[in-house]
All heavy atoms as atom14 arrays in JSON, in Angstrom:
{
  "sequence": "DEFRFAATAKVDGRVVVLPQIRSASMQMNSIRANGYIHIP",
  "atom14_mask": [
    [1, 1, 1, 1, 1, 1, 1, 1, 0, 0, 0, 0, 0, 0],
    [1, 1, 1, 1, 1, 1, 1, 1, 1, 0, 0, 0, 0, 0],
    [1, 1, 1, 1, 1, 1, 1, 1, 1, 1, 1, 0, 0, 0],
    [1, 1, 1, 1, 1, 1, 1, 1, 1, 1, 1, 0, 0, 0],
    [1, 1, 1, 1, 1, 1, 1, 1, 1, 1, 1, 0, 0, 0],
    [1, 1, 1, 1, 1, 0, 0, 0, 0, 0, 0, 0, 0, 0],
    [1, 1, 1, 1, 1, 0, 0, 0, 0, 0, 0, 0, 0, 0],
    [1, 1, 1, 1, 1, 1, 1, 0, 0, 0, 0, 0, 0, 0],
    [1, 1, 1, 1, 1, 0, 0, 0, 0, 0, 0, 0, 0, 0],
    [1, 1, 1, 1, 1, 1, 1, 1, 1, 0, 0, 0, 0, 0],
    [1, 1, 1, 1, 1, 1, 1, 0, 0, 0, 0, 0, 0, 0],
    [1, 1, 1, 1, 1, 1, 1, 1, 0, 0, 0, 0, 0, 0],
    [1, 1, 1, 1, 0, 0, 0, 0, 0, 0, 0, 0, 0, 0],
    [1, 1, 1, 1, 1, 1, 1, 1, 1, 1, 1, 0, 0, 0],
    [1, 1, 1, 1, 1, 1, 1, 0, 0, 0, 0, 0, 0, 0],
    [1, 1, 1, 1, 1, 1, 1, 0, 0, 0, 0, 0, 0, 0],
    [1, 1, 1, 1, 1, 1, 1, 0, 0, 0, 0, 0, 0, 0],
    [1, 1, 1, 1, 1, 1, 1, 1, 0, 0, 0, 0, 0, 0],
    [1, 1, 1, 1, 1, 1, 1, 0, 0, 0, 0, 0, 0, 0],
    [1, 1, 1, 1, 1, 1, 1, 1, 1, 0, 0, 0, 0, 0],
    [1, 1, 1, 1, 1, 1, 1, 1, 0, 0, 0, 0, 0, 0],
    [1, 1, 1, 1, 1, 1, 1, 1, 1, 1, 1, 0, 0, 0],
    [1, 1, 1, 1, 1, 1, 0, 0, 0, 0, 0, 0, 0, 0],
    [1, 1, 1, 1, 1, 0, 0, 0, 0, 0, 0, 0, 0, 0],
    [1, 1, 1, 1, 1, 1, 0, 0, 0, 0, 0, 0, 0, 0],
    [1, 1, 1, 1, 1, 1, 1, 1, 0, 0, 0, 0, 0, 0],
    [1, 1, 1, 1, 1, 1, 1, 1, 1, 0, 0, 0, 0, 0],
    [1, 1, 1, 1, 1, 1, 1, 1, 0, 0, 0, 0, 0, 0],
    [1, 1, 1, 1, 1, 1, 1, 1, 0, 0, 0, 0, 0, 0],
    [1, 1, 1, 1, 1, 1, 0, 0, 0, 0, 0, 0, 0, 0],
    [1, 1, 1, 1, 1, 1, 1, 1, 0, 0, 0, 0, 0, 0],
    [1, 1, 1, 1, 1, 1, 1, 1, 1, 1, 1, 0, 0, 0],
    [1, 1, 1, 1, 1, 0, 0, 0, 0, 0, 0, 0, 0, 0],
    [1, 1, 1, 1, 1, 1, 1, 1, 0, 0, 0, 0, 0, 0],
    [1, 1, 1, 1, 0, 0, 0, 0, 0, 0, 0, 0, 0, 0],
    [1, 1, 1, 1, 1, 1, 1, 1, 1, 1, 1, 1, 0, 0],
    [1, 1, 1, 1, 1, 1, 1, 1, 0, 0, 0, 0, 0, 0],
    [1, 1, 1, 1, 1, 1, 1, 1, 1, 1, 0, 0, 0, 0],
    [1, 1, 1, 1, 1, 1, 1, 1, 0, 0, 0, 0, 0, 0],
    [1, 1, 1, 1, 1, 1, 1, 0, 0, 0, 0, 0, 0, 0]
  ],
  "atom14_positions": [
    [[156.58, -20.65, -81.5], [157.69, -19.81, -81.04], [158.94, -20.43, -81.64], [159.2, -21.64, -81.48], [157.81, -19.82, -79.53], [156.77, -18.92, -78.84], [155.62, -19.38, -78.66], [157.09, -17.81, -78.51], [0.0, 0.0, 0.0], [0.0, 0.0, 0.0], [0.0, 0.0, 0.0], [0.0, 0.0, 0.0], [0.0, 0.0, 0.0], [0.0, 0.0, 0.0]],
    [[159.71, -19.63, -82.34], [160.93, -20.2, -82.93], [162.16, -19.6, -82.21], [162.21, -18.41, -81.97], [161.02, -19.92, -84.44], [162.28, -20.52, -85.05], [162.17, -20.7, -86.56], [161.14, -20.29, -87.14], [163.13, -21.24, -87.14], [0.0, 0.0, 0.0], [0.0, 0.0, 0.0], [0.0, 0.0, 0.0], [0.0, 0.0, 0.0], [0.0, 0.0, 0.0]],
    [[163.13, -20.47, -81.96], [164.39, -20.06, -81.33], [165.49, -20.41, -82.3], [165.88, -21.56, -82.44], [164.52, -20.78, -79.99], [163.43, -20.51, -79.03], [162.27, -21.26, -79.03], [163.52, -19.4, -78.17], [161.23, -20.95, -78.14], [162.49, -19.09, -77.3], [161.33, -19.85, -77.31], [0.0, 0.0, 0.0], [0.0, 0.0, 0.0], [0.0, 0.0, 0.0]],
    [[165.97, -19.37, -82.97], [166.91, -19.55, -84.1], [168.33, -19.3, -83.65], [168.66, -18.23, -83.14], [166.51, -18.57, -85.19], [167.1, -18.85, -86.56], [166.34, -19.93, -87.32], [166.89, -20.09, -88.67], [166.38, -19.46, -89.72], [165.35, -18.66, -89.6], [166.94, -19.66, -90.9], [0.0, 0.0, 0.0], [0.0, 0.0, 0.0], [0.0, 0.0, 0.0]],
    [[169.16, -20.31, -83.82], [170.58, -20.1, -83.54], [171.1, -19.0, -84.47], [170.72, -18.97, -85.67], [171.37, -21.4, -83.76], [171.24, -22.37, -82.61], [170.07, -23.09, -82.47], [172.27, -22.54, -81.72], [169.94, -23.98, -81.39], [172.14, -23.42, -80.65], [170.97, -24.15, -80.49], [0.0, 0.0, 0.0], [0.0, 0.0, 0.0], [0.0, 0.0, 0.0]],
    [[171.92, -18.12, -83.93], [172.34, -16.98, -84.71], [173.7, -16.48, -84.31], [174.19, -16.79, -83.2], [171.32, -15.82, -84.56], [0.0, 0.0, 0.0], [0.0, 0.0, 0.0], [0.0, 0.0, 0.0], [0.0, 0.0, 0.0], [0.0, 0.0, 0.0], [0.0, 0.0, 0.0], [0.0, 0.0, 0.0], [0.0, 0.0, 0.0], [0.0, 0.0, 0.0]],
    [[174.36, -15.76, -85.18], [175.66, -15.16, -84.94], [175.51, -13.65, -84.87], [174.91, -13.04, -85.78], [176.64, -15.53, -86.03], [0.0, 0.0, 0.0], [0.0, 0.0, 0.0], [0.0, 0.0, 0.0], [0.0, 0.0, 0.0], [0.0, 0.0, 0.0], [0.0, 0.0, 0.0], [0.0, 0.0, 0.0], [0.0, 0.0, 0.0], [0.0, 0.0, 0.0]],
    [[176.02, -13.04, -83.83], [175.91, -11.61, -83.61], [177.3, -10.98, -83.56], [178.23, -11.54, -82.98], [175.16, -11.3, -82.31], [173.88, -11.98, -82.33], [174.88, -9.81, -82.15], [0.0, 0.0, 0.0], [0.0, 0.0, 0.0], [0.0, 0.0, 0.0], [0.0, 0.0, 0.0], [0.0, 0.0, 0.0], [0.0, 0.0, 0.0], [0.0, 0.0, 0.0]],
    [[177.45, -9.8, -84.18], [178.74, -9.11, -84.2], [178.48, -7.61, -84.46], [177.41, -7.21, -84.88], [179.66, -9.68, -85.23], [0.0, 0.0, 0.0], [0.0, 0.0, 0.0], [0.0, 0.0, 0.0], [0.0, 0.0, 0.0], [0.0, 0.0, 0.0], [0.0, 0.0, 0.0], [0.0, 0.0, 0.0], [0.0, 0.0, 0.0], [0.0, 0.0, 0.0]],
    [[179.48, -6.82, -84.21], [179.46, -5.41, -84.58], [180.04, -5.3, -85.99], [181.17, -5.65, -86.26], [180.27, -4.54, -83.63], [179.54, -4.28, -82.31], [180.25, -3.19, -81.51], [179.46, -2.87, -80.24], [180.13, -1.84, -79.41], [0.0, 0.0, 0.0], [0.0, 0.0, 0.0], [0.0, 0.0, 0.0], [0.0, 0.0, 0.0], [0.0, 0.0, 0.0]],
    [[179.19, -4.77, -86.89], [179.58, -4.61, -88.28], [179.32, -3.18, -88.7], [178.17, -2.7, -88.61], [178.8, -5.59, -89.21], [179.26, -5.43, -90.66], [178.99, -7.02, -88.78], [0.0, 0.0, 0.0], [0.0, 0.0, 0.0], [0.0, 0.0, 0.0], [0.0, 0.0, 0.0], [0.0, 0.0, 0.0], [0.0, 0.0, 0.0], [0.0, 0.0, 0.0]],
    [[180.32, -2.47, -89.12], [180.19, -1.1, -89.59], [179.47, -0.23, -88.57], [178.6, 0.59, -88.88], [179.41, -1.1, -90.94], [179.57, 0.22, -91.65], [180.7, 0.76, -91.71], [178.55, 0.75, -92.18], [0.0, 0.0, 0.0], [0.0, 0.0, 0.0], [0.0, 0.0, 0.0], [0.0, 0.0, 0.0], [0.0, 0.0, 0.0], [0.0, 0.0, 0.0]],
    [[179.8, -0.44, -87.32], [179.25, 0.4, -86.24], [177.89, -0.01, -85.7], [177.35, 0.58, -84.79], [0.0, 0.0, 0.0], [0.0, 0.0, 0.0], [0.0, 0.0, 0.0], [0.0, 0.0, 0.0], [0.0, 0.0, 0.0], [0.0, 0.0, 0.0], [0.0, 0.0, 0.0], [0.0, 0.0, 0.0], [0.0, 0.0, 0.0], [0.0, 0.0, 0.0]],
    [[177.28, -1.08, -86.3], [175.98, -1.56, -85.83], [176.12, -2.97, -85.25], [177.08, -3.7, -85.64], [174.94, -1.61, -86.96], [174.73, -0.27, -87.65], [174.93, -0.45, -89.14], [174.12, -1.47, -89.78], [174.57, -2.41, -90.58], [175.88, -2.48, -90.88], [173.78, -3.29, -91.14], [0.0, 0.0, 0.0], [0.0, 0.0, 0.0], [0.0, 0.0, 0.0]],
    [[175.21, -3.34, -84.41], [175.14, -4.75, -83.95], [174.2, -5.49, -84.89], [173.01, -5.16, -84.98], [174.65, -4.83, -82.5], [174.54, -6.31, -82.06], [175.57, -4.05, -81.55], [0.0, 0.0, 0.0], [0.0, 0.0, 0.0], [0.0, 0.0, 0.0], [0.0, 0.0, 0.0], [0.0, 0.0, 0.0], [0.0, 0.0, 0.0], [0.0, 0.0, 0.0]],
    [[174.77, -6.5, -85.55], [174.02, -7.24, -86.59], [173.95, -8.71, -86.15], [174.9, -9.25, -85.6], [174.71, -7.16, -87.94], [173.97, -7.99, -88.99], [174.77, -5.68, -88.39], [0.0, 0.0, 0.0], [0.0, 0.0, 0.0], [0.0, 0.0, 0.0], [0.0, 0.0, 0.0], [0.0, 0.0, 0.0], [0.0, 0.0, 0.0], [0.0, 0.0, 0.0]],
    [[172.77, -9.3, -86.4], [172.6, -10.72, -86.08], [172.14, -11.49, -87.33], [171.29, -11.06, -88.08], [171.58, -10.9, -84.93], [170.24, -10.35, -85.3], [171.46, -12.41, -84.58], [0.0, 0.0, 0.0], [0.0, 0.0, 0.0], [0.0, 0.0, 0.0], [0.0, 0.0, 0.0], [0.0, 0.0, 0.0], [0.0, 0.0, 0.0], [0.0, 0.0, 0.0]],
    [[172.88, -12.6, -87.63], [172.56, -13.44, -88.78], [172.13, -14.82, -88.32], [172.77, -15.4, -87.45], [173.76, -13.58, -89.7], [174.15, -12.35, -90.56], [175.39, -12.68, -91.4], [173.0, -11.98, -91.48], [0.0, 0.0, 0.0], [0.0, 0.0, 0.0], [0.0, 0.0, 0.0], [0.0, 0.0, 0.0], [0.0, 0.0, 0.0], [0.0, 0.0, 0.0]],
    [[171.08, -15.35, -88.9], [170.62, -16.68, -88.48], [171.48, -17.8, -89.03], [172.19, -17.64, -90.01], [169.17, -16.76, -89.08], [169.32, -15.95, -90.37], [170.26, -14.81, -90.0], [0.0, 0.0, 0.0], [0.0, 0.0, 0.0], [0.0, 0.0, 0.0], [0.0, 0.0, 0.0], [0.0, 0.0, 0.0], [0.0, 0.0, 0.0], [0.0, 0.0, 0.0]],
    [[171.37, -18.97, -88.38], [171.98, -20.18, -88.9], [170.99, -20.92, -89.77], [169.81, -20.61, -89.81], [172.43, -21.07, -87.73], [173.44, -20.43, -86.82], [174.76, -20.18, -87.49], [175.36, -21.06, -88.04], [175.18, -18.93, -87.5], [0.0, 0.0, 0.0], [0.0, 0.0, 0.0], [0.0, 0.0, 0.0], [0.0, 0.0, 0.0], [0.0, 0.0, 0.0]],
    [[171.47, -21.96, -90.46], [170.61, -22.81, -91.22], [169.53, -23.37, -90.3], [169.77, -23.74, -89.16], [171.4, -24.0, -91.86], [172.48, -23.43, -92.78], [170.49, -24.95, -92.58], [173.47, -24.47, -93.25], [0.0, 0.0, 0.0], [0.0, 0.0, 0.0], [0.0, 0.0, 0.0], [0.0, 0.0, 0.0], [0.0, 0.0, 0.0], [0.0, 0.0, 0.0]],
    [[168.33, -23.46, -90.79], [167.18, -23.9, -89.99], [167.17, -25.43, -89.93], [166.45, -26.1, -90.63], [165.88, -23.4, -90.6], [164.72, -23.32, -89.67], [163.51, -22.79, -90.39], [162.37, -22.57, -89.52], [161.15, -22.37, -89.95], [160.89, -22.4, -91.24], [160.18, -22.18, -89.09], [0.0, 0.0, 0.0], [0.0, 0.0, 0.0], [0.0, 0.0, 0.0]],
    [[168.03, -25.98, -89.07], [168.16, -27.45, -88.95], [168.51, -27.74, -87.49], [169.52, -27.25, -86.97], [169.22, -27.97, -89.88], [169.49, -29.34, -89.6], [0.0, 0.0, 0.0], [0.0, 0.0, 0.0], [0.0, 0.0, 0.0], [0.0, 0.0, 0.0], [0.0, 0.0, 0.0], [0.0, 0.0, 0.0], [0.0, 0.0, 0.0], [0.0, 0.0, 0.0]],
    [[167.76, -28.64, -86.88], [168.02, -29.01, -85.48], [169.09, -30.13, -85.39], [169.55, -30.39, -84.28], [166.73, -29.48, -84.81], [0.0, 0.0, 0.0], [0.0, 0.0, 0.0], [0.0, 0.0, 0.0], [0.0, 0.0, 0.0], [0.0, 0.0, 0.0], [0.0, 0.0, 0.0], [0.0, 0.0, 0.0], [0.0, 0.0, 0.0], [0.0, 0.0, 0.0]],
    [[169.43, -30.7, -86.53], [170.39, -31.83, -86.46], [171.83, -31.39, -86.68], [172.74, -32.18, -86.45], [170.01, -32.87, -87.5], [170.11, -32.3, -88.83], [0.0, 0.0, 0.0], [0.0, 0.0, 0.0], [0.0, 0.0, 0.0], [0.0, 0.0, 0.0], [0.0, 0.0, 0.0], [0.0, 0.0, 0.0], [0.0, 0.0, 0.0], [0.0, 0.0, 0.0]],
    [[172.06, -30.16, -87.1], [173.41, -29.72, -87.42], [174.09, -29.1, -86.22], [173.83, -27.92, -85.87], [173.38, -28.72, -88.57], [172.97, -29.36, -89.89], [173.11, -28.22, -91.3], [174.83, -27.78, -91.24], [0.0, 0.0, 0.0], [0.0, 0.0, 0.0], [0.0, 0.0, 0.0], [0.0, 0.0, 0.0], [0.0, 0.0, 0.0], [0.0, 0.0, 0.0]],
    [[174.94, -29.83, -85.54], [175.65, -29.33, -84.37], [176.61, -28.21, -84.71], [176.92, -27.35, -83.86], [176.43, -30.47, -83.7], [175.51, -31.39, -82.91], [176.27, -32.45, -82.19], [176.69, -33.43, -82.79], [176.47, -32.29, -80.91], [0.0, 0.0, 0.0], [0.0, 0.0, 0.0], [0.0, 0.0, 0.0], [0.0, 0.0, 0.0], [0.0, 0.0, 0.0]],
    [[177.05, -28.13, -85.97], [177.95, -26.99, -86.35], [177.22, -25.67, -86.23], [177.87, -24.62, -86.11], [178.45, -27.19, -87.79], [179.59, -28.2, -87.94], [181.03, -27.76, -86.89], [181.54, -26.21, -87.64], [0.0, 0.0, 0.0], [0.0, 0.0, 0.0], [0.0, 0.0, 0.0], [0.0, 0.0, 0.0], [0.0, 0.0, 0.0], [0.0, 0.0, 0.0]],
    [[175.87, -25.67, -86.26], [175.16, -24.43, -86.06], [175.5, -23.78, -84.7], [175.62, -22.57, -84.59], [173.63, -24.67, -86.14], [173.13, -24.67, -87.56], [173.89, -24.44, -88.52], [171.86, -24.94, -87.74], [0.0, 0.0, 0.0], [0.0, 0.0, 0.0], [0.0, 0.0, 0.0], [0.0, 0.0, 0.0], [0.0, 0.0, 0.0], [0.0, 0.0, 0.0]],
    [[175.63, -24.61, -83.69], [175.92, -24.08, -82.38], [177.4, -23.63, -82.27], [177.72, -22.71, -81.5], [175.6, -25.06, -81.26], [176.47, -26.21, -81.34], [0.0, 0.0, 0.0], [0.0, 0.0, 0.0], [0.0, 0.0, 0.0], [0.0, 0.0, 0.0], [0.0, 0.0, 0.0], [0.0, 0.0, 0.0], [0.0, 0.0, 0.0], [0.0, 0.0, 0.0]],
    [[178.25, -24.24, -83.05], [179.68, -23.85, -83.1], [179.78, -22.51, -83.77], [180.5, -21.62, -83.33], [180.51, -24.9, -83.86], [180.52, -26.22, -83.12], [181.93, -24.41, -84.08], [181.28, -26.26, -81.81], [0.0, 0.0, 0.0], [0.0, 0.0, 0.0], [0.0, 0.0, 0.0], [0.0, 0.0, 0.0], [0.0, 0.0, 0.0], [0.0, 0.0, 0.0]],
    [[179.07, -22.32, -84.87], [179.18, -21.11, -85.65], [178.41, -19.94, -85.03], [178.69, -18.78, -85.39], [178.67, -21.38, -87.05], [179.55, -22.35, -87.84], [178.86, -22.82, -89.13], [179.77, -23.7, -89.88], [179.38, -24.59, -90.75], [178.08, -24.73, -91.01], [180.25, -25.36, -91.39], [0.0, 0.0, 0.0], [0.0, 0.0, 0.0], [0.0, 0.0, 0.0]],
    [[177.48, -20.23, -84.15], [176.65, -19.17, -83.53], [177.27, -18.73, -82.24], [178.18, -19.38, -81.68], [175.25, -19.71, -83.31], [0.0, 0.0, 0.0], [0.0, 0.0, 0.0], [0.0, 0.0, 0.0], [0.0, 0.0, 0.0], [0.0, 0.0, 0.0], [0.0, 0.0, 0.0], [0.0, 0.0, 0.0], [0.0, 0.0, 0.0], [0.0, 0.0, 0.0]],
    [[176.79, -17.6, -81.7], [177.18, -17.18, -80.33], [175.91, -16.79, -79.55], [176.0, -16.01, -78.62], [178.18, -16.04, -80.37], [177.72, -14.85, -81.17], [176.57, -14.81, -81.61], [178.61, -13.84, -81.37], [0.0, 0.0, 0.0], [0.0, 0.0, 0.0], [0.0, 0.0, 0.0], [0.0, 0.0, 0.0], [0.0, 0.0, 0.0], [0.0, 0.0, 0.0]],
    [[174.76, -17.35, -79.94], [173.54, -17.1, -79.25], [172.35, -17.46, -80.1], [172.45, -18.28, -81.03], [0.0, 0.0, 0.0], [0.0, 0.0, 0.0], [0.0, 0.0, 0.0], [0.0, 0.0, 0.0], [0.0, 0.0, 0.0], [0.0, 0.0, 0.0], [0.0, 0.0, 0.0], [0.0, 0.0, 0.0], [0.0, 0.0, 0.0], [0.0, 0.0, 0.0]],
    [[171.23, -16.84, -79.83], [170.04, -17.15, -80.57], [169.09, -15.95, -80.52], [169.28, -14.99, -79.76], [169.32, -18.38, -80.05], [168.73, -18.25, -78.66], [167.41, -17.97, -78.48], [169.54, -18.43, -77.53], [166.88, -17.83, -77.17], [169.04, -18.32, -76.25], [167.67, -18.02, -76.1], [167.16, -17.91, -74.83], [0.0, 0.0, 0.0], [0.0, 0.0, 0.0]],
    [[168.06, -15.98, -81.36], [166.99, -15.02, -81.28], [165.66, -15.75, -81.15], [165.51, -16.87, -81.57], [166.94, -14.07, -82.51], [166.67, -14.84, -83.79], [168.23, -13.24, -82.62], [166.38, -13.94, -84.95], [0.0, 0.0, 0.0], [0.0, 0.0, 0.0], [0.0, 0.0, 0.0], [0.0, 0.0, 0.0], [0.0, 0.0, 0.0], [0.0, 0.0, 0.0]],
    [[164.72, -15.1, -80.53], [163.39, -15.66, -80.3], [162.41, -14.94, -81.17], [162.21, -13.71, -81.07], [163.01, -15.51, -78.8], [161.62, -15.97, -78.47], [160.97, -15.61, -77.31], [160.75, -16.78, -79.18], [159.8, -16.18, -77.32], [159.62, -16.88, -78.4], [0.0, 0.0, 0.0], [0.0, 0.0, 0.0], [0.0, 0.0, 0.0], [0.0, 0.0, 0.0]],
    [[161.77, -15.69, -82.08], [160.7, -15.14, -82.94], [159.4, -15.6, -82.3], [159.03, -16.8, -82.38], [160.8, -15.62, -84.39], [162.18, -15.29, -84.95], [159.71, -14.99, -85.23], [162.43, -15.81, -86.35], [0.0, 0.0, 0.0], [0.0, 0.0, 0.0], [0.0, 0.0, 0.0], [0.0, 0.0, 0.0], [0.0, 0.0, 0.0], [0.0, 0.0, 0.0]],
    [[158.66, -14.72, -81.64], [157.45, -15.12, -80.87], [156.38, -15.71, -81.78], [156.26, -15.39, -82.99], [156.98, -13.84, -80.21], [158.16, -12.92, -80.26], [158.92, -13.27, -81.5], [0.0, 0.0, 0.0], [0.0, 0.0, 0.0], [0.0, 0.0, 0.0], [0.0, 0.0, 0.0], [0.0, 0.0, 0.0], [0.0, 0.0, 0.0], [0.0, 0.0, 0.0]]
  ]
}
């Protein structure tokens, strides 16, 4: 199960989510994100 830090926003009328770099050591990932997604 992967829990990917991600940034979500409304873009061109849709809700879009972009992942962060796949690294558990980069605290800036949590600064740049506003949530996460779960890939089962």
